[in-house]
């Protein structure tokens, strides 16, 4: 009986651990070009919400996952109204991002 109870406890703990496992972080880099007067900003293996520099001009997604670009620095207002800026960048793509405040990677 004790062995069955321990097996059930172990199985339940395993299932809880699997359900709580976080999504895998993006692997690679997000590269941001602002102006010719400052170096590129490089976010290595980004995860979660990342604030962009105020003078961000172009964002390149060199990761293995899509990233979402937001208008505010807190990843709450998606960019959807500006036709020159893409809200979601697929891996290997870039976009003008004037007015972008942040991006979110898985």
PDB file of N, CA and C in Angstrom:
ATOM      1  N   UNK A   1       0.819  -1.198   0.000  1.00  0.00           N
ATOM      2  CA  UNK A   1       0.000   0.000   0.000  1.00  0.00           C
ATOM      3  C   UNK A   1       0.861   1.260   0.000  1.00  0.00           C
ATOM      4  N   UNK A   2       1.920   1.203   0.796  1.00  0.00           N
ATOM      5  CA  UNK A   2       2.802   2.364   0.879  1.00  0.00           C
ATOM      6  C   UNK A   2       3.475   2.629  -0.464  1.00  0.00           C
ATOM      7  N   UNK A   3       3.836   1.570  -1.169  1.00  0.00           N
ATOM      8  CA  UNK A   3       4.486   1.710  -2.470  1.00  0.00           C
ATOM      9  C   UNK A   3       3.534   2.365  -3.484  1.00  0.00           C
ATOM     10  N   UNK A   4       2.264   1.990  -3.441  1.00  0.00           N
ATOM     11  CA  UNK A   4       1.263   2.584  -4.343  1.00  0.00           C
ATOM     12  C   UNK A   4       1.093   4.067  -4.037  1.00  0.00           C
ATOM     13  N   UNK A   5       1.040   4.414  -2.761  1.00  0.00           N
ATOM     14  CA  UNK A   5       0.879   5.822  -2.368  1.00  0.00           C
ATOM     15  C   UNK A   5       2.080   6.639  -2.821  1.00  0.00           C
ATOM     16  N   UNK A   6       3.294   6.105  -2.661  1.00  0.00           N
ATOM     17  CA  UNK A   6       4.487   6.821  -3.109  1.00  0.00           C
ATOM     18  C   UNK A   6       4.500   6.972  -4.625  1.00  0.00           C
ATOM     19  N   UNK A   7       4.091   5.933  -5.336  1.00  0.00           N
ATOM     20  CA  UNK A   7       4.032   6.006  -6.802  1.00  0.00           C
ATOM     21  C   UNK A   7       3.033   7.059  -7.253  1.00  0.00           C
ATOM     22  N   UNK A   8       1.890   7.117  -6.614  1.00  0.00           N
ATOM     23  CA  UNK A   8       0.874   8.112  -6.959  1.00  0.00           C
ATOM     24  C   UNK A   8       1.377   9.512  -6.662  1.00  0.00           C
ATOM     25  N   UNK A   9       2.063   9.689  -5.539  1.00  0.00           N
ATOM     26  CA  UNK A   9       2.615  10.995  -5.180  1.00  0.00           C
ATOM     27  C   UNK A   9       3.666  11.428  -6.194  1.00  0.00           C
ATOM     28  N   UNK A  10       4.542  10.503  -6.583  1.00  0.00           N
ATOM     29  CA  UNK A  10       5.567  10.803  -7.575  1.00  0.00           C
ATOM     30  C   UNK A  10       4.943  11.178  -8.920  1.00  0.00           C
ATOM     31  N   UNK A  11       3.924  10.436  -9.349  1.00  0.00           N
ATOM     32  CA  UNK A  11       3.247  10.720 -10.615  1.00  0.00           C
ATOM     33  C   UNK A  11       2.584  12.091 -10.577  1.00  0.00           C
ATOM     34  N   UNK A  12       1.948  12.420  -9.472  1.00  0.00           N
ATOM     35  CA  UNK A  12       1.292  13.723  -9.352  1.00  0.00           C
ATOM     36  C   UNK A  12       2.315  14.848  -9.387  1.00  0.00           C
ATOM     37  N   UNK A  13       3.434  14.678  -8.698  1.00  0.00           N
ATOM     38  CA  UNK A  13       4.484  15.707  -8.689  1.00  0.00           C
ATOM     39  C   UNK A  13       5.073  15.888 -10.083  1.00  0.00           C
ATOM     40  N   UNK A  14       5.230  14.794 -10.801  1.00  0.00           N
ATOM     41  CA  UNK A  14       5.750  14.872 -12.166  1.00  0.00           C
ATOM     42  C   UNK A  14       4.797  15.648 -13.066  1.00  0.00           C
ATOM     43  N   UNK A  15       3.507  15.376 -12.971  1.00  0.00           N
ATOM     44  CA  UNK A  15       2.529  16.082 -13.792  1.00  0.00           C
ATOM     45  C   UNK A  15       2.485  17.566 -13.448  1.00  0.00           C
ATOM     46  N   UNK A  16       2.555  17.917 -12.190  1.00  0.00           N
ATOM     47  CA  UNK A  16       2.564  19.328 -11.788  1.00  0.00           C
ATOM     48  C   UNK A  16       3.807  20.006 -12.333  1.00  0.00           C
ATOM     49  N   UNK A  17       4.950  19.345 -12.242  1.00  0.00           N
ATOM     50  CA  UNK A  17       6.190  19.904 -12.766  1.00  0.00           C
ATOM     51  C   UNK A  17       6.133  20.120 -14.265  1.00  0.00           C
ATOM     52  N   UNK A  18       5.503  19.201 -14.983  1.00  0.00           N
ATOM     53  CA  UNK A  18       5.378  19.353 -16.433  1.00  0.00           C
ATOM     54  C   UNK A  18       4.445  20.498 -16.775  1.00  0.00           C
ATOM     55  N   UNK A  19       3.370  20.674 -16.048  1.00  0.00           N
ATOM     56  CA  UNK A  19       2.415  21.744 -16.326  1.00  0.00           C
ATOM     57  C   UNK A  19       3.009  23.104 -16.036  1.00  0.00           C
ATOM     58  N   UNK A  20       3.933  23.186 -15.078  1.00  0.00           N
ATOM     59  CA  UNK A  20       4.502  24.463 -14.686  1.00  0.00           C
ATOM     60  C   UNK A  20       5.762  24.805 -15.465  1.00  0.00           C
ATOM     61  N   UNK A  21       6.203  23.929 -16.345  1.00  0.00           N
ATOM     62  CA  UNK A  21       7.434  24.181 -17.093  1.00  0.00           C
ATOM     63  C   UNK A  21       7.267  25.407 -17.979  1.00  0.00           C
ATOM     64  N   UNK A  22       8.227  26.345 -17.940  1.00  0.00           N
ATOM     65  CA  UNK A  22       8.123  27.550 -18.746  1.00  0.00           C
ATOM     66  C   UNK A  22       8.372  27.261 -20.221  1.00  0.00           C
ATOM     67  N   UNK A  23       7.902  28.157 -21.072  1.00  0.00           N
ATOM     68  CA  UNK A  23       8.170  28.033 -22.502  1.00  0.00           C
ATOM     69  C   UNK A  23       9.663  28.206 -22.731  1.00  0.00           C
ATOM     70  N   UNK A  24      10.180  27.550 -23.739  1.00  0.00           N
ATOM     71  CA  UNK A  24      11.603  27.637 -24.027  1.00  0.00           C
ATOM     72  C   UNK A  24      11.937  29.036 -24.533  1.00  0.00           C
ATOM     73  N   UNK A  25      12.999  29.616 -24.005  1.00  0.00           N
ATOM     74  CA  UNK A  25      13.428  30.960 -24.395  1.00  0.00           C
ATOM     75  C   UNK A  25      13.921  30.946 -25.839  1.00  0.00           C
ATOM     76  N   UNK A  26      13.833  32.101 -26.474  1.00  0.00           N
ATOM     77  CA  UNK A  26      14.334  32.228 -27.833  1.00  0.00           C
ATOM     78  C   UNK A  26      15.852  32.076 -27.822  1.00  0.00           C
ATOM     79  N   UNK A  27      16.369  31.409 -28.826  1.00  0.00           N
ATOM     80  CA  UNK A  27      17.802  31.220 -28.957  1.00  0.00           C
ATOM     81  C   UNK A  27      18.285  32.067 -30.121  1.00  0.00           C
ATOM     82  N   UNK A  28      19.321  32.845 -29.909  1.00  0.00           N
ATOM     83  CA  UNK A  28      19.844  33.729 -30.944  1.00  0.00           C
ATOM     84  C   UNK A  28      19.885  35.166 -30.447  1.00  0.00           C
ATOM     85  N   UNK A  29      19.793  36.104 -31.380  1.00  0.00           N
ATOM     86  CA  UNK A  29      19.909  37.515 -31.030  1.00  0.00           C
ATOM     87  C   UNK A  29      18.792  38.338 -31.631  1.00  0.00           C
ATOM     88  N   UNK A  30      18.394  39.374 -30.901  1.00  0.00           N
ATOM     89  CA  UNK A  30      17.598  40.454 -31.462  1.00  0.00           C
ATOM     90  C   UNK A  30      18.549  41.635 -31.538  1.00  0.00           C
ATOM     91  N   UNK A  31      18.701  42.200 -32.737  1.00  0.00           N
ATOM     92  CA  UNK A  31      19.650  43.290 -32.963  1.00  0.00           C
ATOM     93  C   UNK A  31      18.863  44.549 -33.299  1.00  0.00           C
ATOM     94  N   UNK A  32      19.224  45.661 -32.648  1.00  0.00           N
ATOM     95  CA  UNK A  32      18.511  46.923 -32.824  1.00  0.00           C
ATOM     96  C   UNK A  32      19.476  47.989 -33.339  1.00  0.00           C
ATOM     97  N   UNK A  33      19.112  48.591 -34.469  1.00  0.00           N
ATOM     98  CA  UNK A  33      19.857  49.722 -35.014  1.00  0.00           C
ATOM     99  C   UNK A  33      19.101  50.992 -34.660  1.00  0.00           C
ATOM    100  N   UNK A  34      19.821  51.963 -34.078  1.00  0.00           N
ATOM    101  CA  UNK A  34      19.198  53.242 -33.732  1.00  0.00           C
ATOM    102  C   UNK A  34      19.717  54.346 -34.651  1.00  0.00           C
ATOM    103  N   UNK A  35      20.978  54.715 -34.513  1.00  0.00           N
ATOM    104  CA  UNK A  35      21.586  55.738 -35.376  1.00  0.00           C
ATOM    105  C   UNK A  35      23.016  55.325 -35.689  1.00  0.00           C
ATOM    106  N   UNK A  36      23.617  56.019 -36.647  1.00  0.00           N
ATOM    107  CA  UNK A  36      24.995  55.723 -37.008  1.00  0.00           C
ATOM    108  C   UNK A  36      25.971  56.203 -35.943  1.00  0.00           C
ATOM    109  N   UNK A  37      25.489  56.928 -34.946  1.00  0.00           N
ATOM    110  CA  UNK A  37      26.361  57.474 -33.914  1.00  0.00           C
ATOM    111  C   UNK A  37      26.457  56.603 -32.660  1.00  0.00           C
ATOM    112  N   UNK A  38      25.732  55.503 -32.636  1.00  0.00           N
ATOM    113  CA  UNK A  38      25.816  54.621 -31.471  1.00  0.00           C
ATOM    114  C   UNK A  38      25.911  53.172 -31.933  1.00  0.00           C
ATOM    115  N   UNK A  39      26.526  52.324 -31.115  1.00  0.00           N
ATOM    116  CA  UNK A  39      26.647  50.918 -31.508  1.00  0.00           C
ATOM    117  C   UNK A  39      25.293  50.213 -31.511  1.00  0.00           C
ATOM    118  N   UNK A  40      25.247  49.090 -32.194  1.00  0.00           N
ATOM    119  CA  UNK A  40      24.033  48.272 -32.207  1.00  0.00           C
ATOM    120  C   UNK A  40      23.732  47.777 -30.792  1.00  0.00           C
ATOM    121  N   UNK A  41      22.451  47.659 -30.465  1.00  0.00           N
ATOM    122  CA  UNK A  41      22.041  47.016 -29.222  1.00  0.00           C
ATOM    123  C   UNK A  41      21.757  45.557 -29.563  1.00  0.00           C
ATOM    124  N   UNK A  42      22.358  44.632 -28.824  1.00  0.00           N
ATOM    125  CA  UNK A  42      22.208  43.207 -29.084  1.00  0.00           C
ATOM    126  C   UNK A  42      21.640  42.537 -27.832  1.00  0.00           C
ATOM    127  N   UNK A  43      20.529  41.842 -28.014  1.00  0.00           N
ATOM    128  CA  UNK A  43      19.887  41.096 -26.935  1.00  0.00           C
ATOM    129  C   UNK A  43      20.113  39.618 -27.220  1.00  0.00           C
ATOM    130  N   UNK A  44      21.012  38.991 -26.451  1.00  0.00           N
ATOM    131  CA  UNK A  44      21.374  37.585 -26.656  1.00  0.00           C
ATOM    132  C   UNK A  44      20.377  36.680 -25.946  1.00  0.00           C
ATOM    133  N   UNK A  45      19.829  35.695 -26.663  1.00  0.00           N
ATOM    134  CA  UNK A  45      18.863  34.735 -26.112  1.00  0.00           C
ATOM    135  C   UNK A  45      17.792  35.438 -25.261  1.00  0.00           C
ATOM    136  N   UNK A  46      17.064  36.378 -25.857  1.00  0.00           N
ATOM    137  CA  UNK A  46      16.104  37.163 -25.071  1.00  0.00           C
ATOM    138  C   UNK A  46      14.939  36.321 -24.558  1.00  0.00           C
ATOM    139  N   UNK A  47      14.404  36.745 -23.428  1.00  0.00           N
ATOM    140  CA  UNK A  47      13.244  36.080 -22.827  1.00  0.00           C
ATOM    141  C   UNK A  47      12.431  37.143 -22.106  1.00  0.00           C
ATOM    142  N   UNK A  48      11.139  37.168 -22.351  1.00  0.00           N
ATOM    143  CA  UNK A  48      10.276  38.138 -21.683  1.00  0.00           C
ATOM    144  C   UNK A  48      10.297  39.489 -22.369  1.00  0.00           C
ATOM    145  N   UNK A  49       9.878  40.517 -21.642  1.00  0.00           N
ATOM    146  CA  UNK A  49       9.762  41.875 -22.186  1.00  0.00           C
ATOM    147  C   UNK A  49      11.089  42.610 -22.068  1.00  0.00           C
ATOM    148  N   UNK A  50      11.531  43.192 -23.184  1.00  0.00           N
ATOM    149  CA  UNK A  50      12.773  43.954 -23.211  1.00  0.00           C
ATOM    150  C   UNK A  50      12.488  45.374 -23.708  1.00  0.00           C
ATOM    151  N   UNK A  51      12.877  46.357 -22.924  1.00  0.00           N
ATOM    152  CA  UNK A  51      12.700  47.769 -23.302  1.00  0.00           C
ATOM    153  C   UNK A  51      13.702  48.119 -24.398  1.00  0.00           C
ATOM    154  N   UNK A  52      13.216  48.843 -25.420  1.00  0.00           N
ATOM    155  CA  UNK A  52      14.071  49.268 -26.520  1.00  0.00           C
ATOM    156  C   UNK A  52      14.587  50.685 -26.271  1.00  0.00           C
ATOM    157  N   UNK A  53      15.742  51.042 -26.874  1.00  0.00           N
ATOM    158  CA  UNK A  53      16.231  52.418 -26.765  1.00  0.00           C
ATOM    159  C   UNK A  53      15.216  53.400 -27.361  1.00  0.00           C
ATOM    160  N   UNK A  54      15.191  54.611 -26.848  1.00  0.00           N
ATOM    161  CA  UNK A  54      14.232  55.617 -27.327  1.00  0.00           C
ATOM    162  C   UNK A  54      14.384  55.924 -28.810  1.00  0.00           C
ATOM    163  N   UNK A  55      15.608  55.833 -29.343  1.00  0.00           N
ATOM    164  CA  UNK A  55      15.843  56.185 -30.746  1.00  0.00           C
ATOM    165  C   UNK A  55      15.894  54.962 -31.672  1.00  0.00           C
ATOM    166  N   UNK A  56      15.233  53.878 -31.281  1.00  0.00           N
ATOM    167  CA  UNK A  56      15.207  52.657 -32.106  1.00  0.00           C
ATOM    168  C   UNK A  56      14.687  52.976 -33.504  1.00  0.00           C
ATOM    169  N   UNK A  57      15.398  52.474 -34.502  1.00  0.00           N
ATOM    170  CA  UNK A  57      15.002  52.700 -35.896  1.00  0.00           C
ATOM    171  C   UNK A  57      14.616  51.393 -36.587  1.00  0.00           C
ATOM    172  N   UNK A  58      15.428  50.343 -36.426  1.00  0.00           N
ATOM    173  CA  UNK A  58      15.170  49.064 -37.071  1.00  0.00           C
ATOM    174  C   UNK A  58      15.442  47.935 -36.068  1.00  0.00           C
ATOM    175  N   UNK A  59      14.565  46.910 -36.075  1.00  0.00           N
ATOM    176  CA  UNK A  59      14.728  45.736 -35.225  1.00  0.00           C
ATOM    177  C   UNK A  59      14.891  44.512 -36.127  1.00  0.00           C
ATOM    178  N   UNK A  60      15.910  43.703 -35.848  1.00  0.00           N
ATOM    179  CA  UNK A  60      16.173  42.466 -36.584  1.00  0.00           C
ATOM    180  C   UNK A  60      15.998  41.287 -35.630  1.00  0.00           C
ATOM    181  N   UNK A  61      15.183  40.311 -36.022  1.00  0.00           N
ATOM    182  CA  UNK A  61      14.983  39.115 -35.220  1.00  0.00           C
ATOM    183  C   UNK A  61      15.852  37.992 -35.766  1.00  0.00           C
ATOM    184  N   UNK A  62      16.953  37.742 -35.102  1.00  0.00           N
ATOM    185  CA  UNK A  62      17.874  36.682 -35.514  1.00  0.00           C
ATOM    186  C   UNK A  62      17.778  35.486 -34.561  1.00  0.00           C
ATOM    187  N   UNK A  63      16.597  35.329 -33.925  1.00  0.00           N
ATOM    188  CA  UNK A  63      16.378  34.191 -33.031  1.00  0.00           C
ATOM    189  C   UNK A  63      15.661  33.082 -33.789  1.00  0.00           C
ATOM    190  N   UNK A  64      15.334  32.019 -33.075  1.00  0.00           N
ATOM    191  CA  UNK A  64      14.602  30.901 -33.672  1.00  0.00           C
ATOM    192  C   UNK A  64      13.103  30.961 -33.375  1.00  0.00           C
ATOM    193  N   UNK A  65      12.628  32.091 -32.817  1.00  0.00           N
ATOM    194  CA  UNK A  65      11.218  32.246 -32.453  1.00  0.00           C
ATOM    195  C   UNK A  65      10.700  33.609 -32.897  1.00  0.00           C
ATOM    196  N   UNK A  66       9.402  33.718 -33.173  1.00  0.00           N
ATOM    197  CA  UNK A  66       8.845  35.040 -33.471  1.00  0.00           C
ATOM    198  C   UNK A  66       8.938  35.939 -32.236  1.00  0.00           C
ATOM    199  N   UNK A  67       9.089  37.238 -32.468  1.00  0.00           N
ATOM    200  CA  UNK A  67       9.036  38.205 -31.375  1.00  0.00           C
ATOM    201  C   UNK A  67       7.926  39.194 -31.694  1.00  0.00           C
ATOM    202  N   UNK A  68       7.373  39.798 -30.663  1.00  0.00           N
ATOM    203  CA  UNK A  68       6.296  40.766 -30.829  1.00  0.00           C
ATOM    204  C   UNK A  68       6.817  42.135 -30.412  1.00  0.00           C
ATOM    205  N   UNK A  69       6.569  43.163 -31.245  1.00  0.00           N
ATOM    206  CA  UNK A  69       7.039  44.517 -30.981  1.00  0.00           C
ATOM    207  C   UNK A  69       5.878  45.353 -30.464  1.00  0.00           C
ATOM    208  N   UNK A  70       6.150  46.155 -29.426  1.00  0.00           N
ATOM    209  CA  UNK A  70       5.121  46.954 -28.758  1.00  0.00           C
ATOM    210  C   UNK A  70       5.457  48.435 -28.817  1.00  0.00           C
ATOM    211  N   UNK A  71       4.436  49.275 -28.714  1.00  0.00           N
ATOM    212  CA  UNK A  71       4.601  50.721 -28.780  1.00  0.00           C
ATOM    213  C   UNK A  71       5.078  51.326 -27.457  1.00  0.00           C
ATOM    214  N   UNK A  72       4.865  50.619 -26.367  1.00  0.00           N
ATOM    215  CA  UNK A  72       5.242  51.148 -25.053  1.00  0.00           C
ATOM    216  C   UNK A  72       6.398  50.327 -24.480  1.00  0.00           C
ATOM    217  N   UNK A  73       7.067  50.818 -23.444  1.00  0.00           N
ATOM    218  CA  UNK A  73       8.211  50.085 -22.885  1.00  0.00           C
ATOM    219  C   UNK A  73       7.842  48.908 -21.983  1.00  0.00           C
ATOM    220  N   UNK A  74       6.549  48.628 -21.804  1.00  0.00           N
ATOM    221  CA  UNK A  74       6.105  47.586 -20.881  1.00  0.00           C
ATOM    222  C   UNK A  74       5.426  46.393 -21.571  1.00  0.00           C
ATOM    223  N   UNK A  75       5.516  46.324 -22.901  1.00  0.00           N
ATOM    224  CA  UNK A  75       4.938  45.214 -23.678  1.00  0.00           C
ATOM    225  C   UNK A  75       3.435  45.075 -23.457  1.00  0.00           C
ATOM    226  N   UNK A  76       2.719  46.209 -23.457  1.00  0.00           N
ATOM    227  CA  UNK A  76       1.269  46.143 -23.271  1.00  0.00           C
ATOM    228  C   UNK A  76       0.481  46.686 -24.458  1.00  0.00           C
ATOM    229  N   UNK A  77       1.058  47.589 -25.261  1.00  0.00           N
ATOM    230  CA  UNK A  77       0.330  48.195 -26.392  1.00  0.00           C
ATOM    231  C   UNK A  77       0.938  47.690 -27.698  1.00  0.00           C
ATOM    232  N   UNK A  78       0.281  46.722 -28.351  1.00  0.00           N
ATOM    233  CA  UNK A  78       0.825  46.188 -29.609  1.00  0.00           C
ATOM    234  C   UNK A  78       0.856  47.249 -30.708  1.00  0.00           C
ATOM    235  N   UNK A  79       1.845  47.151 -31.570  1.00  0.00           N
ATOM    236  CA  UNK A  79       1.924  48.047 -32.723  1.00  0.00           C
ATOM    237  C   UNK A  79       1.037  47.456 -33.811  1.00  0.00           C
ATOM    238  N   UNK A  80      -0.043  48.151 -34.153  1.00  0.00           N
ATOM    239  CA  UNK A  80      -0.943  47.655 -35.190  1.00  0.00           C
ATOM    240  C   UNK A  80      -1.355  48.745 -36.164  1.00  0.00           C
ATOM    241  N   UNK A  81      -1.251  50.000 -35.774  1.00  0.00           N
ATOM    242  CA  UNK A  81      -1.767  51.080 -36.610  1.00  0.00           C
ATOM    243  C   UNK A  81      -0.765  51.608 -37.627  1.00  0.00           C
ATOM    244  N   UNK A  82       0.525  51.464 -37.392  1.00  0.00           N
ATOM    245  CA  UNK A  82       1.542  51.999 -38.289  1.00  0.00           C
ATOM    246  C   UNK A  82       1.827  50.993 -39.401  1.00  0.00           C
ATOM    247  N   UNK A  83       1.483  51.299 -40.652  1.00  0.00           N
ATOM    248  CA  UNK A  83       1.676  50.331 -41.745  1.00  0.00           C
ATOM    249  C   UNK A  83       3.145  50.079 -42.082  1.00  0.00           C
ATOM    250  N   UNK A  84       4.070  50.934 -41.602  1.00  0.00           N
ATOM    251  CA  UNK A  84       5.490  50.732 -41.907  1.00  0.00           C
ATOM    252  C   UNK A  84       6.177  49.880 -40.846  1.00  0.00           C
ATOM    253  N   UNK A  85       5.471  49.513 -39.788  1.00  0.00           N
ATOM    254  CA  UNK A  85       6.051  48.725 -38.705  1.00  0.00           C
ATOM    255  C   UNK A  85       5.280  47.432 -38.540  1.00  0.00           C
ATOM    256  N   UNK A  86       5.991  46.344 -38.427  1.00  0.00           N
ATOM    257  CA  UNK A  86       5.370  45.035 -38.251  1.00  0.00           C
ATOM    258  C   UNK A  86       5.280  44.731 -36.765  1.00  0.00           C
ATOM    259  N   UNK A  87       4.121  44.261 -36.299  1.00  0.00           N
ATOM    260  CA  UNK A  87       3.930  43.937 -34.891  1.00  0.00           C
ATOM    261  C   UNK A  87       4.599  42.641 -34.480  1.00  0.00           C
ATOM    262  N   UNK A  88       4.627  41.638 -35.366  1.00  0.00           N
ATOM    263  CA  UNK A  88       5.290  40.369 -35.067  1.00  0.00           C
ATOM    264  C   UNK A  88       6.384  40.142 -36.099  1.00  0.00           C
ATOM    265  N   UNK A  89       7.589  39.884 -35.612  1.00  0.00           N
ATOM    266  CA  UNK A  89       8.720  39.616 -36.501  1.00  0.00           C
ATOM    267  C   UNK A  89       9.063  38.134 -36.445  1.00  0.00           C
ATOM    268  N   UNK A  90       8.987  37.488 -37.568  1.00  0.00           N
ATOM    269  CA  UNK A  90       9.353  36.080 -37.669  1.00  0.00           C
ATOM    270  C   UNK A  90      10.879  35.945 -37.629  1.00  0.00           C
ATOM    271  N   UNK A  91      11.382  34.769 -37.300  1.00  0.00           N
ATOM    272  CA  UNK A  91      12.830  34.557 -37.296  1.00  0.00           C
ATOM    273  C   UNK A  91      13.458  34.910 -38.639  1.00  0.00           C
ATOM    274  N   UNK A  92      14.591  35.611 -38.591  1.00  0.00           N
ATOM    275  CA  UNK A  92      15.306  35.988 -39.802  1.00  0.00           C
ATOM    276  C   UNK A  92      14.764  37.219 -40.491  1.00  0.00           C
ATOM    277  N   UNK A  93      13.814  37.924 -39.883  1.00  0.00           N
ATOM    278  CA  UNK A  93      13.214  39.118 -40.478  1.00  0.00           C
ATOM    279  C   UNK A  93      13.528  40.351 -39.641  1.00  0.00           C
ATOM    280  N   UNK A  94      13.378  41.523 -40.276  1.00  0.00           N
ATOM    281  CA  UNK A  94      13.568  42.794 -39.598  1.00  0.00           C
ATOM    282  C   UNK A  94      12.491  43.761 -40.028  1.00  0.00           C
ATOM    283  N   UNK A  95      12.385  44.881 -39.324  1.00  0.00           N
ATOM    284  CA  UNK A  95      11.368  45.876 -39.652  1.00  0.00           C
ATOM    285  C   UNK A  95      11.763  47.231 -39.100  1.00  0.00           C
ATOM    286  N   UNK A  96      11.315  48.276 -39.801  1.00  0.00           N
ATOM    287  CA  UNK A  96      11.408  49.616 -39.216  1.00  0.00           C
ATOM    288  C   UNK A  96      10.578  49.598 -37.931  1.00  0.00           C
ATOM    289  N   UNK A  97      11.059  50.293 -36.934  1.00  0.00           N
ATOM    290  CA  UNK A  97      10.382  50.240 -35.639  1.00  0.00           C
ATOM    291  C   UNK A  97      10.393  51.598 -34.952  1.00  0.00           C
ATOM    292  N   UNK A  98      10.300  52.667 -35.740  1.00  0.00           N
ATOM    293  CA  UNK A  98      10.215  53.986 -35.143  1.00  0.00           C
ATOM    294  C   UNK A  98       8.996  54.063 -34.252  1.00  0.00           C
ATOM    295  N   UNK A  99       9.170  54.507 -33.036  1.00  0.00           N
ATOM    296  CA  UNK A  99       8.067  54.588 -32.111  1.00  0.00           C
ATOM    297  C   UNK A  99       7.865  53.331 -31.290  1.00  0.00           C
ATOM    298  N   UNK A 100       8.667  52.287 -31.549  1.00  0.00           N
ATOM    299  CA  UNK A 100       8.561  51.069 -30.750  1.00  0.00           C
ATOM    300  C   UNK A 100       9.201  51.295 -29.390  1.00  0.00           C
ATOM    301  N   UNK A 101       8.598  50.735 -28.363  1.00  0.00           N
ATOM    302  CA  UNK A 101       9.138  50.909 -27.027  1.00  0.00           C
ATOM    303  C   UNK A 101       9.681  49.641 -26.418  1.00  0.00           C
ATOM    304  N   UNK A 102       9.276  48.467 -26.953  1.00  0.00           N
ATOM    305  CA  UNK A 102       9.732  47.208 -26.375  1.00  0.00           C
ATOM    306  C   UNK A 102       9.452  46.058 -27.324  1.00  0.00           C
ATOM    307  N   UNK A 103      10.003  44.907 -26.980  1.00  0.00           N
ATOM    308  CA  UNK A 103       9.657  43.684 -27.685  1.00  0.00           C
ATOM    309  C   UNK A 103       9.581  42.562 -26.665  1.00  0.00           C
ATOM    310  N   UNK A 104       8.858  41.510 -27.045  1.00  0.00           N
ATOM    311  CA  UNK A 104       8.710  40.359 -26.160  1.00  0.00           C
ATOM    312  C   UNK A 104       9.091  39.102 -26.914  1.00  0.00           C
ATOM    313  N   UNK A 105       9.955  38.315 -26.287  1.00  0.00           N
ATOM    314  CA  UNK A 105      10.347  37.022 -26.815  1.00  0.00           C
ATOM    315  C   UNK A 105       9.779  35.943 -25.883  1.00  0.00           C
ATOM    316  N   UNK A 106       9.538  34.751 -26.415  1.00  0.00           N
ATOM    317  CA  UNK A 106       8.965  33.691 -25.564  1.00  0.00           C
ATOM    318  C   UNK A 106       9.873  33.318 -24.411  1.00  0.00           C
TER     319      UNK A 106
END
